[in-house]
């Protein structure tokens, strides 16, 4: 009888722990925010995205919002090597609506560039560090 009672308590404790973890995840994702890249300037030529990124905090589950004229720009998620070289041939993801949300679920540094003409070389690129 004691063994059965101990197993029951263990199951209840495990179930409670799982439930608390689920609640924590729901609260965490509900606290996520959307950050507009470039602020009111948006995703465009002539903006200092390096400075913007250093002053902007992005946490896991937050989203970046890229606002731009889709006839003039796009957004490519690329590797660090492609970011550094402004290579556009093999992006991990491509966005081109002009109102794009990019959500980050894990910590790390993410590299985004404009793949139109020589916009990346002209500075339309941002490295975003996502961390708690």
N, C-alpha and C. Protein backbone atom coordinates (compact mmCIF):
# COMPACT_ATOMS: atom_id res chain seq x y z
N UNK A 1 0.82 -1.19 0.00
CA UNK A 1 0.00 0.00 0.00
C UNK A 1 0.87 1.26 0.00
N UNK A 2 1.96 1.26 0.78
CA UNK A 2 2.86 2.40 0.83
C UNK A 2 3.51 2.66 -0.52
N UNK A 3 3.89 1.57 -1.20
CA UNK A 3 4.53 1.70 -2.52
C UNK A 3 3.57 2.34 -3.53
N UNK A 4 2.34 1.93 -3.50
CA UNK A 4 1.33 2.48 -4.40
C UNK A 4 1.10 3.97 -4.12
N UNK A 5 1.07 4.33 -2.87
CA UNK A 5 0.87 5.72 -2.48
C UNK A 5 2.06 6.58 -2.93
N UNK A 6 3.29 6.07 -2.80
CA UNK A 6 4.48 6.79 -3.23
C UNK A 6 4.49 6.98 -4.74
N UNK A 7 4.07 5.94 -5.48
CA UNK A 7 4.00 6.06 -6.94
C UNK A 7 2.97 7.11 -7.34
N UNK A 8 1.86 7.12 -6.65
CA UNK A 8 0.82 8.11 -6.92
C UNK A 8 1.34 9.53 -6.68
N UNK A 9 2.05 9.72 -5.57
CA UNK A 9 2.62 11.03 -5.27
C UNK A 9 3.64 11.44 -6.33
N UNK A 10 4.44 10.49 -6.79
CA UNK A 10 5.44 10.79 -7.82
C UNK A 10 4.77 11.21 -9.12
N UNK A 11 3.70 10.53 -9.49
CA UNK A 11 2.96 10.88 -10.71
C UNK A 11 2.34 12.27 -10.59
N UNK A 12 1.79 12.56 -9.42
CA UNK A 12 1.17 13.88 -9.21
C UNK A 12 2.25 14.97 -9.28
N UNK A 13 3.40 14.71 -8.65
CA UNK A 13 4.49 15.69 -8.68
C UNK A 13 4.99 15.91 -10.11
N UNK A 14 5.14 14.84 -10.87
CA UNK A 14 5.60 14.95 -12.26
C UNK A 14 4.57 15.69 -13.10
N UNK A 15 3.30 15.39 -12.91
CA UNK A 15 2.23 16.07 -13.65
C UNK A 15 2.20 17.55 -13.32
N UNK A 16 2.38 17.88 -12.05
CA UNK A 16 2.39 19.28 -11.62
C UNK A 16 3.56 20.02 -12.26
N UNK A 17 4.73 19.37 -12.29
CA UNK A 17 5.90 19.99 -12.89
C UNK A 17 5.69 20.24 -14.38
N UNK A 18 5.14 19.28 -15.07
CA UNK A 18 4.86 19.43 -16.51
C UNK A 18 3.88 20.58 -16.73
N UNK A 19 2.85 20.65 -15.91
CA UNK A 19 1.85 21.70 -16.04
C UNK A 19 2.49 23.08 -15.79
N UNK A 20 3.34 23.20 -14.78
CA UNK A 20 4.01 24.46 -14.49
C UNK A 20 4.93 24.89 -15.63
N UNK A 21 5.62 23.93 -16.24
CA UNK A 21 6.48 24.24 -17.38
C UNK A 21 5.64 24.74 -18.56
N UNK A 22 4.50 24.11 -18.81
CA UNK A 22 3.61 24.55 -19.88
C UNK A 22 3.10 25.97 -19.63
N UNK A 23 2.71 26.25 -18.41
CA UNK A 23 2.23 27.59 -18.06
C UNK A 23 3.35 28.61 -18.27
N UNK A 24 4.57 28.26 -17.86
CA UNK A 24 5.71 29.17 -18.03
C UNK A 24 5.96 29.46 -19.51
N UNK A 25 5.85 28.45 -20.36
CA UNK A 25 6.03 28.66 -21.80
C UNK A 25 4.95 29.55 -22.39
N UNK A 26 3.72 29.37 -21.94
CA UNK A 26 2.62 30.20 -22.44
C UNK A 26 2.83 31.65 -22.02
N UNK A 27 3.21 31.87 -20.76
CA UNK A 27 3.46 33.22 -20.27
C UNK A 27 4.62 33.85 -21.03
N UNK A 28 5.66 33.07 -21.23
CA UNK A 28 6.84 33.56 -21.94
C UNK A 28 6.49 33.98 -23.37
N UNK A 29 5.75 33.17 -24.10
CA UNK A 29 5.42 33.53 -25.48
C UNK A 29 4.41 34.67 -25.52
N UNK A 30 3.58 34.80 -24.49
CA UNK A 30 2.64 35.92 -24.44
C UNK A 30 3.38 37.23 -24.19
N UNK A 31 4.54 37.17 -23.54
CA UNK A 31 5.32 38.36 -23.26
C UNK A 31 6.20 38.76 -24.44
N UNK A 32 6.20 37.98 -25.49
CA UNK A 32 7.02 38.29 -26.66
C UNK A 32 6.57 39.61 -27.28
N UNK A 33 7.53 40.31 -27.86
CA UNK A 33 7.24 41.60 -28.48
C UNK A 33 7.64 41.58 -29.96
N UNK A 34 7.12 42.56 -30.67
CA UNK A 34 7.50 42.76 -32.07
C UNK A 34 8.32 44.03 -32.14
N UNK A 35 9.49 43.94 -32.73
CA UNK A 35 10.41 45.06 -32.83
C UNK A 35 10.52 45.45 -34.31
N UNK A 36 10.27 46.71 -34.63
CA UNK A 36 10.37 47.19 -36.00
C UNK A 36 11.82 47.53 -36.33
N UNK A 37 12.37 46.82 -37.30
CA UNK A 37 13.75 47.05 -37.70
C UNK A 37 13.89 48.45 -38.30
N UNK A 38 14.82 49.23 -37.76
CA UNK A 38 15.03 50.58 -38.24
C UNK A 38 14.05 51.60 -37.69
N UNK A 39 13.21 51.18 -36.74
CA UNK A 39 12.24 52.11 -36.17
C UNK A 39 11.34 52.70 -37.23
N UNK A 40 11.09 53.98 -37.18
CA UNK A 40 10.18 54.61 -38.15
C UNK A 40 10.79 54.68 -39.56
N UNK A 41 12.11 54.53 -39.67
CA UNK A 41 12.75 54.53 -41.00
C UNK A 41 12.48 53.25 -41.76
N UNK A 42 12.32 52.15 -41.03
CA UNK A 42 12.08 50.87 -41.67
C UNK A 42 13.35 50.28 -42.28
N UNK A 43 13.17 49.43 -43.27
CA UNK A 43 14.25 48.70 -43.94
C UNK A 43 14.54 49.44 -45.24
N UNK A 44 15.61 50.25 -45.24
CA UNK A 44 15.87 51.14 -46.37
C UNK A 44 17.34 51.52 -46.45
N UNK A 45 17.71 52.15 -47.51
CA UNK A 45 19.07 52.67 -47.69
C UNK A 45 19.29 53.86 -46.77
N UNK A 46 20.55 54.06 -46.36
CA UNK A 46 20.90 55.24 -45.60
C UNK A 46 20.63 55.18 -44.11
N UNK A 47 20.44 53.99 -43.56
CA UNK A 47 20.16 53.85 -42.13
C UNK A 47 21.28 53.04 -41.49
N UNK A 48 21.65 53.35 -40.24
CA UNK A 48 22.73 52.64 -39.55
C UNK A 48 22.14 51.47 -38.74
N UNK A 49 22.04 50.31 -39.38
CA UNK A 49 21.46 49.13 -38.72
C UNK A 49 22.38 48.54 -37.67
N UNK A 50 23.68 48.74 -37.81
CA UNK A 50 24.60 48.23 -36.79
C UNK A 50 24.35 48.95 -35.47
N UNK A 51 24.19 50.26 -35.53
CA UNK A 51 23.90 51.04 -34.34
C UNK A 51 22.52 50.67 -33.78
N UNK A 52 21.55 50.51 -34.66
CA UNK A 52 20.21 50.12 -34.24
C UNK A 52 20.25 48.78 -33.49
N UNK A 53 20.96 47.79 -34.04
CA UNK A 53 21.02 46.46 -33.44
C UNK A 53 21.70 46.49 -32.08
N UNK A 54 22.73 47.33 -31.93
CA UNK A 54 23.43 47.38 -30.65
C UNK A 54 22.57 48.01 -29.56
N UNK A 55 21.60 48.82 -29.95
CA UNK A 55 20.72 49.49 -28.97
C UNK A 55 19.39 48.77 -28.79
N UNK A 56 19.19 47.65 -29.49
CA UNK A 56 17.91 46.96 -29.46
C UNK A 56 18.05 45.59 -28.82
N UNK A 57 17.16 45.30 -27.88
CA UNK A 57 17.17 43.98 -27.22
C UNK A 57 16.12 43.10 -27.85
N UNK A 58 16.55 41.90 -28.27
CA UNK A 58 15.64 40.91 -28.85
C UNK A 58 15.81 39.62 -28.06
N UNK A 59 14.68 39.11 -27.56
CA UNK A 59 14.68 37.88 -26.77
C UNK A 59 14.05 36.75 -27.58
N UNK A 60 14.34 35.50 -27.20
CA UNK A 60 13.65 34.39 -27.87
C UNK A 60 12.14 34.58 -27.81
N UNK A 61 11.47 34.28 -28.89
CA UNK A 61 10.03 34.38 -29.12
C UNK A 61 9.62 35.78 -29.58
N UNK A 62 10.56 36.74 -29.56
CA UNK A 62 10.26 38.06 -30.13
C UNK A 62 10.28 37.96 -31.65
N UNK A 63 9.66 38.93 -32.30
CA UNK A 63 9.66 38.99 -33.76
C UNK A 63 10.26 40.31 -34.22
N UNK A 64 10.97 40.25 -35.32
CA UNK A 64 11.41 41.47 -35.98
C UNK A 64 10.41 41.75 -37.08
N UNK A 65 10.03 43.01 -37.23
CA UNK A 65 9.12 43.43 -38.28
C UNK A 65 9.92 44.27 -39.27
N UNK A 66 9.94 43.81 -40.51
CA UNK A 66 10.62 44.53 -41.58
C UNK A 66 9.57 45.21 -42.44
N UNK A 67 9.60 46.55 -42.46
CA UNK A 67 8.66 47.31 -43.28
C UNK A 67 9.45 48.01 -44.37
N UNK A 68 9.03 47.79 -45.64
CA UNK A 68 9.76 48.36 -46.78
C UNK A 68 8.89 48.28 -48.03
N UNK A 69 9.32 48.97 -49.07
CA UNK A 69 8.65 48.91 -50.36
C UNK A 69 9.13 47.64 -51.07
N UNK A 70 8.26 46.67 -51.30
CA UNK A 70 8.69 45.40 -51.90
C UNK A 70 9.19 45.55 -53.35
N UNK A 71 8.96 46.67 -53.96
CA UNK A 71 9.51 46.90 -55.30
C UNK A 71 10.98 47.28 -55.23
N UNK A 72 11.43 47.71 -54.02
CA UNK A 72 12.79 48.21 -53.86
C UNK A 72 13.69 47.32 -53.00
N UNK A 73 13.10 46.52 -52.12
CA UNK A 73 13.89 45.76 -51.16
C UNK A 73 13.29 44.36 -50.95
N UNK A 74 14.05 43.52 -50.24
CA UNK A 74 13.57 42.26 -49.70
C UNK A 74 14.39 41.98 -48.45
N UNK A 75 14.16 40.85 -47.82
CA UNK A 75 14.92 40.46 -46.63
C UNK A 75 15.35 39.01 -46.82
N UNK A 76 16.64 38.76 -46.66
CA UNK A 76 17.18 37.41 -46.74
C UNK A 76 17.82 37.05 -45.41
N UNK A 77 17.48 35.88 -44.88
CA UNK A 77 18.14 35.34 -43.69
C UNK A 77 19.29 34.49 -44.22
N UNK A 78 20.52 34.83 -43.82
CA UNK A 78 21.70 34.19 -44.40
C UNK A 78 22.69 33.76 -43.32
N UNK A 79 23.70 33.03 -43.74
CA UNK A 79 24.79 32.63 -42.84
C UNK A 79 25.68 33.84 -42.56
N UNK A 80 26.55 33.71 -41.56
CA UNK A 80 27.47 34.80 -41.25
C UNK A 80 28.41 35.06 -42.43
N UNK A 81 28.89 34.01 -43.05
CA UNK A 81 29.79 34.18 -44.20
C UNK A 81 29.10 34.93 -45.33
N UNK A 82 27.83 34.59 -45.62
CA UNK A 82 27.09 35.30 -46.66
C UNK A 82 26.78 36.74 -46.25
N UNK A 83 26.54 36.95 -44.97
CA UNK A 83 26.31 38.30 -44.45
C UNK A 83 27.57 39.15 -44.67
N UNK A 84 28.71 38.61 -44.25
CA UNK A 84 29.97 39.36 -44.36
C UNK A 84 30.30 39.68 -45.82
N UNK A 85 30.02 38.75 -46.73
CA UNK A 85 30.35 38.94 -48.15
C UNK A 85 29.20 39.51 -48.96
N UNK A 86 28.05 39.73 -48.32
CA UNK A 86 26.83 40.20 -49.02
C UNK A 86 26.46 39.25 -50.17
N UNK A 87 26.58 37.96 -49.92
CA UNK A 87 26.18 36.96 -50.93
C UNK A 87 24.70 36.64 -50.77
N UNK A 88 23.99 36.60 -51.89
CA UNK A 88 22.54 36.42 -51.86
C UNK A 88 22.07 35.11 -52.50
N UNK A 89 22.99 34.29 -52.96
CA UNK A 89 22.62 33.09 -53.74
C UNK A 89 21.92 31.99 -52.96
N UNK A 90 22.25 31.82 -51.69
CA UNK A 90 21.72 30.68 -50.95
C UNK A 90 21.14 31.09 -49.59
N UNK A 91 20.11 31.94 -49.59
CA UNK A 91 19.54 32.35 -48.29
C UNK A 91 18.84 31.19 -47.61
N UNK A 92 18.81 31.24 -46.29
CA UNK A 92 18.07 30.23 -45.53
C UNK A 92 16.58 30.52 -45.60
N UNK A 93 16.23 31.79 -45.75
CA UNK A 93 14.82 32.19 -45.90
C UNK A 93 14.80 33.50 -46.67
N UNK A 94 13.71 33.71 -47.42
CA UNK A 94 13.55 34.95 -48.18
C UNK A 94 12.17 35.52 -47.89
N UNK A 95 12.13 36.82 -47.65
CA UNK A 95 10.88 37.53 -47.38
C UNK A 95 10.77 38.66 -48.39
N UNK A 96 9.58 38.88 -48.92
CA UNK A 96 9.46 39.90 -49.96
C UNK A 96 8.10 40.60 -49.99
N UNK A 97 7.35 40.54 -48.90
CA UNK A 97 6.01 41.15 -48.90
C UNK A 97 6.04 42.65 -48.63
N UNK A 98 7.11 43.12 -47.99
CA UNK A 98 7.16 44.52 -47.59
C UNK A 98 6.67 44.74 -46.16
N UNK A 99 6.06 43.71 -45.60
CA UNK A 99 5.59 43.73 -44.21
C UNK A 99 5.84 42.34 -43.62
N UNK A 100 7.11 42.06 -43.35
CA UNK A 100 7.52 40.72 -42.96
C UNK A 100 7.85 40.62 -41.48
N UNK A 101 7.37 39.55 -40.87
CA UNK A 101 7.67 39.23 -39.48
C UNK A 101 8.61 38.04 -39.46
N UNK A 102 9.72 38.17 -38.73
CA UNK A 102 10.67 37.09 -38.56
C UNK A 102 10.75 36.80 -37.07
N UNK A 103 10.31 35.59 -36.68
CA UNK A 103 10.28 35.23 -35.26
C UNK A 103 11.49 34.35 -34.93
N UNK A 104 12.08 34.62 -33.78
CA UNK A 104 13.23 33.86 -33.31
C UNK A 104 12.84 33.07 -32.07
N UNK A 105 13.00 31.76 -32.13
CA UNK A 105 12.63 30.91 -31.00
C UNK A 105 13.83 30.48 -30.17
N UNK A 106 15.04 30.75 -30.67
CA UNK A 106 16.24 30.33 -29.95
C UNK A 106 17.23 31.48 -29.87
N UNK A 107 18.05 31.43 -28.83
CA UNK A 107 19.13 32.41 -28.70
C UNK A 107 20.15 32.19 -29.81
N UNK A 108 20.85 33.25 -30.14
CA UNK A 108 21.89 33.18 -31.16
C UNK A 108 21.96 34.48 -31.93
N UNK A 109 22.89 34.55 -32.86
CA UNK A 109 23.00 35.72 -33.72
C UNK A 109 22.47 35.35 -35.09
N UNK A 110 21.59 36.20 -35.61
CA UNK A 110 20.94 35.98 -36.89
C UNK A 110 21.34 37.10 -37.84
N UNK A 111 21.54 36.74 -39.11
CA UNK A 111 22.06 37.66 -40.10
C UNK A 111 21.03 37.87 -41.21
N UNK A 112 20.65 39.13 -41.43
CA UNK A 112 19.63 39.47 -42.41
C UNK A 112 20.17 40.56 -43.33
N UNK A 113 19.93 40.39 -44.62
CA UNK A 113 20.42 41.35 -45.60
C UNK A 113 19.33 41.64 -46.63
N UNK A 114 19.49 42.75 -47.33
CA UNK A 114 18.65 43.02 -48.49
C UNK A 114 19.36 42.39 -49.68
N UNK A 115 18.61 41.62 -50.47
CA UNK A 115 19.19 40.93 -51.61
C UNK A 115 19.03 41.66 -52.93
N UNK A 116 18.55 42.89 -52.89
CA UNK A 116 18.33 43.65 -54.12
C UNK A 116 19.60 44.43 -54.46
N UNK A 117 19.99 44.35 -55.75
CA UNK A 117 21.14 45.10 -56.29
C UNK A 117 22.32 45.04 -55.32
N UNK A 118 22.86 46.19 -54.98
CA UNK A 118 24.01 46.26 -54.06
C UNK A 118 23.60 46.89 -52.73
N UNK A 119 22.36 46.68 -52.35
CA UNK A 119 21.85 47.27 -51.11
C UNK A 119 22.60 46.77 -49.88
N UNK A 120 22.91 45.49 -49.84
CA UNK A 120 23.65 44.94 -48.70
C UNK A 120 24.99 45.66 -48.56
N UNK A 121 25.72 45.78 -49.65
CA UNK A 121 27.02 46.47 -49.63
C UNK A 121 26.87 47.93 -49.22
N UNK A 122 25.70 48.50 -49.48
CA UNK A 122 25.43 49.89 -49.10
C UNK A 122 24.95 50.00 -47.65
N UNK A 123 24.85 48.86 -46.93
CA UNK A 123 24.52 48.90 -45.51
C UNK A 123 23.14 48.41 -45.11
N UNK A 124 22.36 47.91 -46.06
CA UNK A 124 21.04 47.39 -45.71
C UNK A 124 21.22 45.93 -45.28
N UNK A 125 21.74 45.79 -44.06
CA UNK A 125 22.03 44.49 -43.46
C UNK A 125 22.07 44.67 -41.96
N UNK A 126 21.66 43.63 -41.25
CA UNK A 126 21.65 43.71 -39.79
C UNK A 126 21.97 42.34 -39.19
N UNK A 127 22.81 42.35 -38.18
CA UNK A 127 23.11 41.16 -37.38
C UNK A 127 22.40 41.36 -36.05
N UNK A 128 21.48 40.47 -35.73
CA UNK A 128 20.67 40.60 -34.52
C UNK A 128 21.03 39.49 -33.54
N UNK A 129 21.40 39.87 -32.33
CA UNK A 129 21.70 38.89 -31.29
C UNK A 129 20.45 38.70 -30.44
N UNK A 130 19.99 37.45 -30.40
CA UNK A 130 18.81 37.09 -29.64
C UNK A 130 19.27 36.39 -28.36
N UNK A 131 18.91 36.96 -27.22
CA UNK A 131 19.31 36.35 -25.95
C UNK A 131 18.38 36.79 -24.84
N UNK A 132 18.37 36.02 -23.77
CA UNK A 132 17.53 36.36 -22.61
C UNK A 132 18.09 37.52 -21.91
